[in-house]
Amino acid sequence: MSTTPAPSAVPFTVLIPARRASTRLPDKPLADLGGQPMVVRVAQRAQQSSAQRVVVATDDQRIVEACQLAGVEAVMTRADHPSGSDRLAEACSLLGLAPDHIVVNVQGDEPLISPALIDAVAALLYQRSEASMGTAAHAIEDTADFANPNVVKAVLDQQGMALYFSRAPIPWWRDGSAAAGQPALHAHAALRHVGIYSYRAGFLQQFPQLPQAPLEVIESLEQLRVLWHGHRIAVAVTEHAPGPGVDTPEDLLRVRALFTKG
């Protein structure tokens, strides 16, 4: 009989990195969405998951105060972190999380993130003891997305572990692409990576100390550092694309309209 817990039974903490600096959308975490700052909306979605705790990790007192006003836990981290992973590693130490405790990194610009997806990514590390990280992907249905370098592709093995992530249209369907004269989709191969991650707190604290990988620098994809150093990433394949994130002023207007309608 299997002893793997259901996603709802997996104890884990959601950490949400949030910094004010953004070249395309200044003060993005504090952008108003239906009367609440975006980072609060993200935390509220995460609170609908099975997480034991939802914490915003930030470098700005205004974000801490906005979270406190909404009843969302927040911790102040250093302002000089080069990446969100470094910020979350510090948050693990500040919160005193045990090395084997599961942490899910939910990006601070995903106010429509699915609580069920958060649960599924957390459960991966209980199901796959050989994995150092978990993440998610879904099928690509549009050729333009497949060819778009801003859409990160994931290739998995038969056990659902990541083989590679790339901005390139991979896997390259040789026969179909040759016939079409452009990158062609294969129904059972093309997956779009979803930027949500689960870690054990101990690995998350070690990760920023790993040297950058050449492939990571070339592709500008931090998760390639994990594969380069021999760690494994388990991938939950979802049926549906996640709700839209907020990267640009245009994105903000679209998502703001959804909250206004609600």
C-alpha atoms as a PDB file:
ATOM      1  CA  MET A   1       0.000   0.000   0.000  1.00  0.00           C
ATOM      2  CA  SER A   2       1.374   3.434  -0.922  1.00  0.00           C
ATOM      3  CA  THR A   3       2.388   5.737   1.917  1.00  0.00           C
ATOM      4  CA  THR A   4       2.700   8.821  -0.300  1.00  0.00           C
ATOM      5  CA  PRO A   5       0.560  11.583   1.203  1.00  0.00           C
ATOM      6  CA  ALA A   6      -2.092  13.382  -0.773  1.00  0.00           C
ATOM      7  CA  PRO A   7      -1.100  16.948  -1.698  1.00  0.00           C
ATOM      8  CA  SER A   8      -3.419  18.340   0.974  1.00  0.00           C
ATOM      9  CA  ALA A   9      -1.577  16.295   3.638  1.00  0.00           C
ATOM     10  CA  VAL A  10       1.905  17.553   2.748  1.00  0.00           C
ATOM     11  CA  PRO A  11       3.266  20.051   5.301  1.00  0.00           C
ATOM     12  CA  PHE A  12       4.974  22.957   3.561  1.00  0.00           C
ATOM     13  CA  THR A  13       5.583  26.704   3.618  1.00  0.00           C
ATOM     14  CA  VAL A  14       5.012  29.121   0.748  1.00  0.00           C
ATOM     15  CA  LEU A  15       7.638  31.844   0.390  1.00  0.00           C
ATOM     16  CA  ILE A  16       6.905  34.804  -1.893  1.00  0.00           C
ATOM     17  CA  PRO A  17       9.930  36.909  -2.911  1.00  0.00           C
ATOM     18  CA  ALA A  18       9.008  40.549  -3.478  1.00  0.00           C
ATOM     19  CA  ARG A  19      11.303  43.474  -4.236  1.00  0.00           C
ATOM     20  CA  ARG A  20      10.254  46.953  -5.270  1.00  0.00           C
ATOM     21  CA  ALA A  21      12.838  47.417  -8.019  1.00  0.00           C
ATOM     22  CA  SER A  22      11.442  46.593 -11.456  1.00  0.00           C
ATOM     23  CA  THR A  23      12.608  48.119 -14.721  1.00  0.00           C
ATOM     24  CA  ARG A  24       9.387  47.451 -16.616  1.00  0.00           C
ATOM     25  CA  LEU A  25       6.890  48.053 -13.813  1.00  0.00           C
ATOM     26  CA  PRO A  26       8.135  50.179 -10.889  1.00  0.00           C
ATOM     27  CA  ASP A  27       6.704  49.309  -7.443  1.00  0.00           C
ATOM     28  CA  LYS A  28       5.107  46.208  -8.932  1.00  0.00           C
ATOM     29  CA  PRO A  29       4.431  44.392  -5.612  1.00  0.00           C
ATOM     30  CA  LEU A  30       2.409  47.383  -4.419  1.00  0.00           C
ATOM     31  CA  ALA A  31       0.370  47.815  -7.615  1.00  0.00           C
ATOM     32  CA  ASP A  32      -3.326  47.997  -6.798  1.00  0.00           C
ATOM     33  CA  LEU A  33      -5.516  45.041  -7.749  1.00  0.00           C
ATOM     34  CA  GLY A  34      -9.093  45.572  -6.674  1.00  0.00           C
ATOM     35  CA  GLY A  35      -8.153  47.478  -3.528  1.00  0.00           C
ATOM     36  CA  GLN A  36      -5.210  45.333  -2.414  1.00  0.00           C
ATOM     37  CA  PRO A  37      -1.510  45.396  -3.346  1.00  0.00           C
ATOM     38  CA  MET A  38      -0.519  42.692  -5.812  1.00  0.00           C
ATOM     39  CA  VAL A  39       1.805  40.951  -3.342  1.00  0.00           C
ATOM     40  CA  VAL A  40      -1.127  40.648  -0.920  1.00  0.00           C
ATOM     41  CA  ARG A  41      -3.293  39.164  -3.688  1.00  0.00           C
ATOM     42  CA  VAL A  42      -0.577  36.589  -4.359  1.00  0.00           C
ATOM     43  CA  ALA A  43      -0.372  35.703  -0.667  1.00  0.00           C
ATOM     44  CA  GLN A  44      -4.147  35.382  -0.444  1.00  0.00           C
ATOM     45  CA  ARG A  45      -4.133  32.898  -3.338  1.00  0.00           C
ATOM     46  CA  ALA A  46      -1.346  30.948  -1.648  1.00  0.00           C
ATOM     47  CA  GLN A  47      -3.365  30.885   1.578  1.00  0.00           C
ATOM     48  CA  GLN A  48      -6.047  28.973  -0.321  1.00  0.00           C
ATOM     49  CA  SER A  49      -3.536  26.132  -0.811  1.00  0.00           C
ATOM     50  CA  SER A  50      -2.754  23.577   1.900  1.00  0.00           C
ATOM     51  CA  ALA A  51       0.355  25.463   3.049  1.00  0.00           C
ATOM     52  CA  GLN A  52       0.897  25.627   6.790  1.00  0.00           C
ATOM     53  CA  ARG A  53       2.394  29.078   6.423  1.00  0.00           C
ATOM     54  CA  VAL A  54       2.587  31.798   3.754  1.00  0.00           C
ATOM     55  CA  VAL A  55       5.371  34.367   4.115  1.00  0.00           C
ATOM     56  CA  VAL A  56       6.436  37.288   1.925  1.00  0.00           C
ATOM     57  CA  ALA A  57      10.221  37.811   1.804  1.00  0.00           C
ATOM     58  CA  THR A  58      11.059  41.380   0.849  1.00  0.00           C
ATOM     59  CA  ASP A  59      13.726  44.083   1.017  1.00  0.00           C
ATOM     60  CA  ASP A  60      11.344  47.004   1.462  1.00  0.00           C
ATOM     61  CA  GLN A  61       9.598  48.281   4.586  1.00  0.00           C
ATOM     62  CA  ARG A  62       6.617  49.534   2.560  1.00  0.00           C
ATOM     63  CA  ILE A  63       5.933  45.969   1.390  1.00  0.00           C
ATOM     64  CA  VAL A  64       6.230  44.649   4.952  1.00  0.00           C
ATOM     65  CA  GLU A  65       3.744  47.265   6.148  1.00  0.00           C
ATOM     66  CA  ALA A  66       1.307  46.535   3.304  1.00  0.00           C
ATOM     67  CA  CYS A  67       1.403  42.841   4.176  1.00  0.00           C
ATOM     68  CA  GLN A  68       0.939  43.455   7.892  1.00  0.00           C
ATOM     69  CA  LEU A  69      -2.049  45.688   7.189  1.00  0.00           C
ATOM     70  CA  ALA A  70      -3.668  42.798   5.289  1.00  0.00           C
ATOM     71  CA  GLY A  71      -2.751  40.179   7.902  1.00  0.00           C
ATOM     72  CA  VAL A  72      -0.050  38.583   5.748  1.00  0.00           C
ATOM     73  CA  GLU A  73       3.202  37.472   7.382  1.00  0.00           C
ATOM     74  CA  ALA A  74       6.352  39.110   5.975  1.00  0.00           C
ATOM     75  CA  VAL A  75      10.078  39.062   6.751  1.00  0.00           C
ATOM     76  CA  MET A  76      12.658  41.699   5.887  1.00  0.00           C
ATOM     77  CA  THR A  77      15.670  40.399   3.972  1.00  0.00           C
ATOM     78  CA  ARG A  78      18.829  42.088   2.699  1.00  0.00           C
ATOM     79  CA  ALA A  79      18.590  44.416  -0.293  1.00  0.00           C
ATOM     80  CA  ASP A  80      21.713  43.126  -2.052  1.00  0.00           C
ATOM     81  CA  HIS A  81      20.514  39.657  -3.068  1.00  0.00           C
ATOM     82  CA  PRO A  82      21.300  38.909  -6.736  1.00  0.00           C
ATOM     83  CA  SER A  83      18.259  36.631  -7.164  1.00  0.00           C
ATOM     84  CA  GLY A  84      14.993  35.573  -5.624  1.00  0.00           C
ATOM     85  CA  SER A  85      16.552  32.251  -4.631  1.00  0.00           C
ATOM     86  CA  ASP A  86      19.143  34.058  -2.496  1.00  0.00           C
ATOM     87  CA  ARG A  87      16.361  36.039  -0.842  1.00  0.00           C
ATOM     88  CA  LEU A  88      14.408  32.871  -0.050  1.00  0.00           C
ATOM     89  CA  ALA A  89      17.508  31.161   1.309  1.00  0.00           C
ATOM     90  CA  GLU A  90      17.888  33.995   3.823  1.00  0.00           C
ATOM     91  CA  ALA A  91      14.170  33.767   4.635  1.00  0.00           C
ATOM     92  CA  CYS A  92      14.571  30.055   5.465  1.00  0.00           C
ATOM     93  CA  SER A  93      17.232  30.975   8.014  1.00  0.00           C
ATOM     94  CA  LEU A  94      15.183  33.835   9.463  1.00  0.00           C
ATOM     95  CA  LEU A  95      12.168  31.540   9.856  1.00  0.00           C
ATOM     96  CA  GLY A  96      14.227  28.698  11.331  1.00  0.00           C
ATOM     97  CA  LEU A  97      12.935  26.108   8.856  1.00  0.00           C
ATOM     98  CA  ALA A  98      14.295  22.571   9.269  1.00  0.00           C
ATOM     99  CA  PRO A  99      16.537  21.304   6.423  1.00  0.00           C
ATOM    100  CA  ASP A 100      13.947  18.752   5.255  1.00  0.00           C
ATOM    101  CA  HIS A 101      10.992  21.166   5.387  1.00  0.00           C
ATOM    102  CA  ILE A 102       9.337  21.737   2.006  1.00  0.00           C
ATOM    103  CA  VAL A 103       9.296  25.292   0.673  1.00  0.00           C
ATOM    104  CA  VAL A 104       7.321  26.418  -2.377  1.00  0.00           C
ATOM    105  CA  ASN A 105       8.510  29.531  -4.183  1.00  0.00           C
ATOM    106  CA  VAL A 106       5.505  31.420  -5.544  1.00  0.00           C
ATOM    107  CA  GLN A 107       6.486  34.473  -7.577  1.00  0.00           C
ATOM    108  CA  GLY A 108       5.203  37.811  -6.308  1.00  0.00           C
ATOM    109  CA  ASP A 109       3.685  38.722  -9.685  1.00  0.00           C
ATOM    110  CA  GLU A 110       1.341  35.710  -9.954  1.00  0.00           C
ATOM    111  CA  PRO A 111      -1.914  36.943  -8.362  1.00  0.00           C
ATOM    112  CA  LEU A 112      -3.940  34.268 -10.185  1.00  0.00           C
ATOM    113  CA  ILE A 113      -1.740  31.280  -9.273  1.00  0.00           C
ATOM    114  CA  SER A 114      -3.713  28.076  -8.739  1.00  0.00           C
ATOM    115  CA  PRO A 115      -3.760  26.858  -5.113  1.00  0.00           C
ATOM    116  CA  ALA A 116      -4.016  23.282  -6.441  1.00  0.00           C
ATOM    117  CA  LEU A 117      -0.831  23.795  -8.460  1.00  0.00           C
ATOM    118  CA  ILE A 118       0.973  24.973  -5.323  1.00  0.00           C
ATOM    119  CA  ASP A 119      -0.133  21.797  -3.538  1.00  0.00           C
ATOM    120  CA  ALA A 120       0.944  19.574  -6.436  1.00  0.00           C
ATOM    121  CA  VAL A 121       4.428  21.071  -6.652  1.00  0.00           C
ATOM    122  CA  ALA A 122       4.883  20.737  -2.885  1.00  0.00           C
ATOM    123  CA  ALA A 123       3.830  17.069  -3.001  1.00  0.00           C
ATOM    124  CA  LEU A 124       6.452  16.265  -5.658  1.00  0.00           C
ATOM    125  CA  LEU A 125       9.291  16.228  -3.140  1.00  0.00           C
ATOM    126  CA  TYR A 126       7.432  13.753  -0.933  1.00  0.00           C
ATOM    127  CA  GLN A 127       6.749  11.532  -3.913  1.00  0.00           C
ATOM    128  CA  ARG A 128      10.260  11.788  -5.369  1.00  0.00           C
ATOM    129  CA  SER A 129      12.958  11.504  -2.714  1.00  0.00           C
ATOM    130  CA  GLU A 130      15.653  11.592  -5.404  1.00  0.00           C
ATOM    131  CA  ALA A 131      14.636  15.086  -6.505  1.00  0.00           C
ATOM    132  CA  SER A 132      16.213  18.222  -5.049  1.00  0.00           C
ATOM    133  CA  MET A 133      13.551  20.461  -6.599  1.00  0.00           C
ATOM    134  CA  GLY A 134      10.069  20.333  -8.038  1.00  0.00           C
ATOM    135  CA  THR A 135       8.396  22.484 -10.668  1.00  0.00           C
ATOM    136  CA  ALA A 136       5.560  22.342 -13.216  1.00  0.00           C
ATOM    137  CA  ALA A 137       4.838  22.376 -16.948  1.00  0.00           C
ATOM    138  CA  HIS A 138       1.897  22.094 -19.321  1.00  0.00           C
ATOM    139  CA  ALA A 139       1.440  21.220 -22.975  1.00  0.00           C
ATOM    140  CA  ILE A 140       2.159  23.871 -25.594  1.00  0.00           C
ATOM    141  CA  GLU A 141      -0.679  24.156 -28.093  1.00  0.00           C
ATOM    142  CA  ASP A 142       0.430  27.156 -30.132  1.00  0.00           C
ATOM    143  CA  THR A 143       3.320  27.098 -32.620  1.00  0.00           C
ATOM    144  CA  ALA A 144       4.083  30.766 -31.937  1.00  0.00           C
ATOM    145  CA  ASP A 145       4.582  29.975 -28.237  1.00  0.00           C
ATOM    146  CA  PHE A 146       6.813  27.044 -29.160  1.00  0.00           C
ATOM    147  CA  ALA A 147       9.048  29.333 -31.228  1.00  0.00           C
ATOM    148  CA  ASN A 148       8.992  32.202 -28.695  1.00  0.00           C
ATOM    149  CA  PRO A 149      12.275  32.429 -26.712  1.00  0.00           C
ATOM    150  CA  ASN A 150      10.370  34.042 -23.835  1.00  0.00           C
ATOM    151  CA  VAL A 151       8.392  30.800 -23.454  1.00  0.00           C
ATOM    152  CA  VAL A 152      10.678  28.362 -21.652  1.00  0.00           C
ATOM    153  CA  LYS A 153      10.407  24.765 -22.810  1.00  0.00           C
ATOM    154  CA  ALA A 154      10.921  21.670 -20.636  1.00  0.00           C
ATOM    155  CA  VAL A 155      11.912  18.168 -21.743  1.00  0.00           C
ATOM    156  CA  LEU A 156      11.248  15.271 -19.350  1.00  0.00           C
ATOM    157  CA  ASP A 157      12.286  11.644 -19.009  1.00  0.00           C
ATOM    158  CA  GLN A 158       9.762   8.821 -18.627  1.00  0.00           C
ATOM    159  CA  GLN A 159       9.733   9.229 -14.835  1.00  0.00           C
ATOM    160  CA  GLY A 160       8.725  12.884 -15.127  1.00  0.00           C
ATOM    161  CA  MET A 161      12.146  14.246 -14.232  1.00  0.00           C
ATOM    162  CA  ALA A 162      13.577  17.226 -16.104  1.00  0.00           C
ATOM    163  CA  LEU A 163      16.189  16.498 -18.740  1.00  0.00           C
ATOM    164  CA  TYR A 164      16.616  20.099 -19.873  1.00  0.00           C
ATOM    165  CA  PHE A 165      15.023  23.526 -20.004  1.00  0.00           C
ATOM    166  CA  SER A 166      15.532  25.867 -22.952  1.00  0.00           C
ATOM    167  CA  ARG A 167      14.321  29.001 -24.665  1.00  0.00           C
ATOM    168  CA  ALA A 168      14.794  27.157 -27.945  1.00  0.00           C
ATOM    169  CA  PRO A 169      11.949  25.132 -29.547  1.00  0.00           C
ATOM    170  CA  ILE A 170      12.813  21.718 -28.118  1.00  0.00           C
ATOM    171  CA  PRO A 171      12.396  18.873 -28.668  1.00  0.00           C
ATOM    172  CA  TRP A 172      12.902  19.575 -32.359  1.00  0.00           C
ATOM    173  CA  TRP A 173      10.498  17.405 -34.338  1.00  0.00           C
ATOM    174  CA  ARG A 174      12.737  16.644 -37.282  1.00  0.00           C
ATOM    175  CA  ASP A 175      10.181  15.301 -39.763  1.00  0.00           C
ATOM    176  CA  GLY A 176       7.342  17.657 -38.858  1.00  0.00           C
ATOM    177  CA  SER A 177       9.542  20.746 -38.769  1.00  0.00           C
ATOM    178  CA  ALA A 178      11.142  19.901 -42.098  1.00  0.00           C
ATOM    179  CA  ALA A 179       7.727  19.573 -43.713  1.00  0.00           C
ATOM    180  CA  ALA A 180       6.454  22.833 -42.216  1.00  0.00           C
ATOM    181  CA  GLY A 181       9.616  24.813 -42.828  1.00  0.00           C
ATOM    182  CA  GLN A 182       9.500  26.078 -39.215  1.00  0.00           C
ATOM    183  CA  PRO A 183       9.426  24.644 -35.671  1.00  0.00           C
ATOM    184  CA  ALA A 184       6.533  22.192 -35.496  1.00  0.00           C
ATOM    185  CA  LEU A 185       4.675  20.909 -32.456  1.00  0.00           C
ATOM    186  CA  HIS A 186       4.590  17.229 -31.604  1.00  0.00           C
ATOM    187  CA  ALA A 187       1.478  16.403 -29.599  1.00  0.00           C
ATOM    188  CA  HIS A 188       3.312  14.374 -26.951  1.00  0.00           C
ATOM    189  CA  ALA A 189       6.523  16.307 -26.508  1.00  0.00           C
ATOM    190  CA  ALA A 190       6.312  20.097 -26.234  1.00  0.00           C
ATOM    191  CA  LEU A 191       5.899  21.400 -22.678  1.00  0.00           C
ATOM    192  CA  ARG A 192       5.908  24.957 -21.381  1.00  0.00           C
ATOM    193  CA  HIS A 193       7.701  25.441 -18.100  1.00  0.00           C
ATOM    194  CA  VAL A 194       5.719  27.107 -15.312  1.00  0.00           C
ATOM    195  CA  GLY A 195       7.845  29.231 -12.979  1.00  0.00           C
ATOM    196  CA  ILE A 196       6.901  27.745  -9.630  1.00  0.00           C
ATOM    197  CA  TYR A 197       9.401  25.741  -7.579  1.00  0.00           C
ATOM    198  CA  SER A 198       9.501  23.522  -4.518  1.00  0.00           C
ATOM    199  CA  TYR A 199      12.667  22.836  -2.524  1.00  0.00           C
ATOM    200  CA  ARG A 200      13.749  21.296   0.714  1.00  0.00           C
ATOM    201  CA  ALA A 201      14.883  24.207   2.854  1.00  0.00           C
ATOM    202  CA  GLY A 202      18.376  22.745   3.245  1.00  0.00           C
ATOM    203  CA  PHE A 203      18.898  22.557  -0.506  1.00  0.00           C
ATOM    204  CA  LEU A 204      17.460  26.030  -1.018  1.00  0.00           C
ATOM    205  CA  GLN A 205      20.048  27.387   1.415  1.00  0.00           C
ATOM    206  CA  GLN A 206      22.842  25.548  -0.452  1.00  0.00           C
ATOM    207  CA  PHE A 207      21.695  26.485  -3.950  1.00  0.00           C
ATOM    208  CA  PRO A 208      22.998  30.093  -4.033  1.00  0.00           C
ATOM    209  CA  GLN A 209      26.447  28.759  -3.103  1.00  0.00           C
ATOM    210  CA  LEU A 210      26.640  26.534  -6.187  1.00  0.00           C
ATOM    211  CA  PRO A 211      28.784  28.078  -8.943  1.00  0.00           C
ATOM    212  CA  GLN A 212      26.844  29.394 -11.912  1.00  0.00           C
ATOM    213  CA  ALA A 213      26.641  26.915 -14.778  1.00  0.00           C
ATOM    214  CA  PRO A 214      27.719  27.841 -18.326  1.00  0.00           C
ATOM    215  CA  LEU A 215      24.344  26.662 -19.666  1.00  0.00           C
ATOM    216  CA  GLU A 216      22.558  28.810 -17.089  1.00  0.00           C
ATOM    217  CA  VAL A 217      24.448  31.875 -18.292  1.00  0.00           C
ATOM    218  CA  ILE A 218      23.824  31.098 -21.975  1.00  0.00           C
ATOM    219  CA  GLU A 219      20.077  30.495 -21.579  1.00  0.00           C
ATOM    220  CA  SER A 220      19.579  32.869 -18.634  1.00  0.00           C
ATOM    221  CA  LEU A 221      17.703  30.106 -16.800  1.00  0.00           C
ATOM    222  CA  GLU A 222      18.647  29.620 -13.156  1.00  0.00           C
ATOM    223  CA  GLN A 223      17.183  26.103 -12.942  1.00  0.00           C
ATOM    224  CA  LEU A 224      19.905  24.843 -15.296  1.00  0.00           C
ATOM    225  CA  ARG A 225      22.382  25.318 -12.448  1.00  0.00           C
ATOM    226  CA  VAL A 226      20.562  22.553 -10.583  1.00  0.00           C
ATOM    227  CA  LEU A 227      20.859  20.089 -13.473  1.00  0.00           C
ATOM    228  CA  TRP A 228      24.448  21.112 -14.245  1.00  0.00           C
ATOM    229  CA  HIS A 229      25.545  20.175 -10.738  1.00  0.00           C
ATOM    230  CA  GLY A 230      23.878  16.764 -10.903  1.00  0.00           C
ATOM    231  CA  HIS A 231      20.711  17.435  -8.955  1.00  0.00           C
ATOM    232  CA  ARG A 232      17.318  16.345 -10.224  1.00  0.00           C
ATOM    233  CA  ILE A 233      14.123  18.305 -10.766  1.00  0.00           C
ATOM    234  CA  ALA A 234      10.719  16.562 -10.653  1.00  0.00           C
ATOM    235  CA  VAL A 235       8.025  18.079 -12.863  1.00  0.00           C
ATOM    236  CA  ALA A 236       4.264  18.045 -12.353  1.00  0.00           C
ATOM    237  CA  VAL A 237       2.523  18.174 -15.741  1.00  0.00           C
ATOM    238  CA  THR A 238      -0.717  20.124 -15.448  1.00  0.00           C
ATOM    239  CA  GLU A 239      -3.673  20.098 -17.817  1.00  0.00           C
ATOM    240  CA  HIS A 240      -4.157  23.842 -17.895  1.00  0.00           C
ATOM    241  CA  ALA A 241      -1.970  26.896 -18.201  1.00  0.00           C
ATOM    242  CA  PRO A 242      -1.737  28.990 -15.017  1.00  0.00           C
ATOM    243  CA  GLY A 243      -3.463  32.349 -14.753  1.00  0.00           C
ATOM    244  CA  PRO A 244      -1.631  35.305 -16.307  1.00  0.00           C
ATOM    245  CA  GLY A 245       1.279  36.862 -14.456  1.00  0.00           C
ATOM    246  CA  VAL A 246       2.184  40.545 -14.395  1.00  0.00           C
ATOM    247  CA  ASP A 247       5.394  41.613 -16.134  1.00  0.00           C
ATOM    248  CA  THR A 248       4.402  44.787 -17.981  1.00  0.00           C
ATOM    249  CA  PRO A 249       2.002  47.730 -17.592  1.00  0.00           C
ATOM    250  CA  GLU A 250      -0.247  46.046 -20.174  1.00  0.00           C
ATOM    251  CA  ASP A 251      -0.326  42.852 -18.089  1.00  0.00           C
ATOM    252  CA  LEU A 252      -1.243  44.899 -15.044  1.00  0.00           C
ATOM    253  CA  LEU A 253      -4.201  46.490 -16.804  1.00  0.00           C
ATOM    254  CA  ARG A 254      -5.518  43.082 -17.934  1.00  0.00           C
ATOM    255  CA  VAL A 255      -5.224  41.482 -14.509  1.00  0.00           C
ATOM    256  CA  ARG A 256      -6.558  44.576 -12.745  1.00  0.00           C
ATOM    257  CA  ALA A 257      -9.676  44.357 -14.911  1.00  0.00           C
ATOM    258  CA  LEU A 258     -10.260  40.782 -13.726  1.00  0.00           C
ATOM    259  CA  PHE A 259     -10.178  41.858 -10.084  1.00  0.00           C
ATOM    260  CA  THR A 260     -12.404  44.849 -10.799  1.00  0.00           C
ATOM    261  CA  LYS A 261     -15.003  42.549 -12.393  1.00  0.00           C
ATOM    262  CA  GLY A 262     -14.810  40.271  -9.384  1.00  0.00           C
END
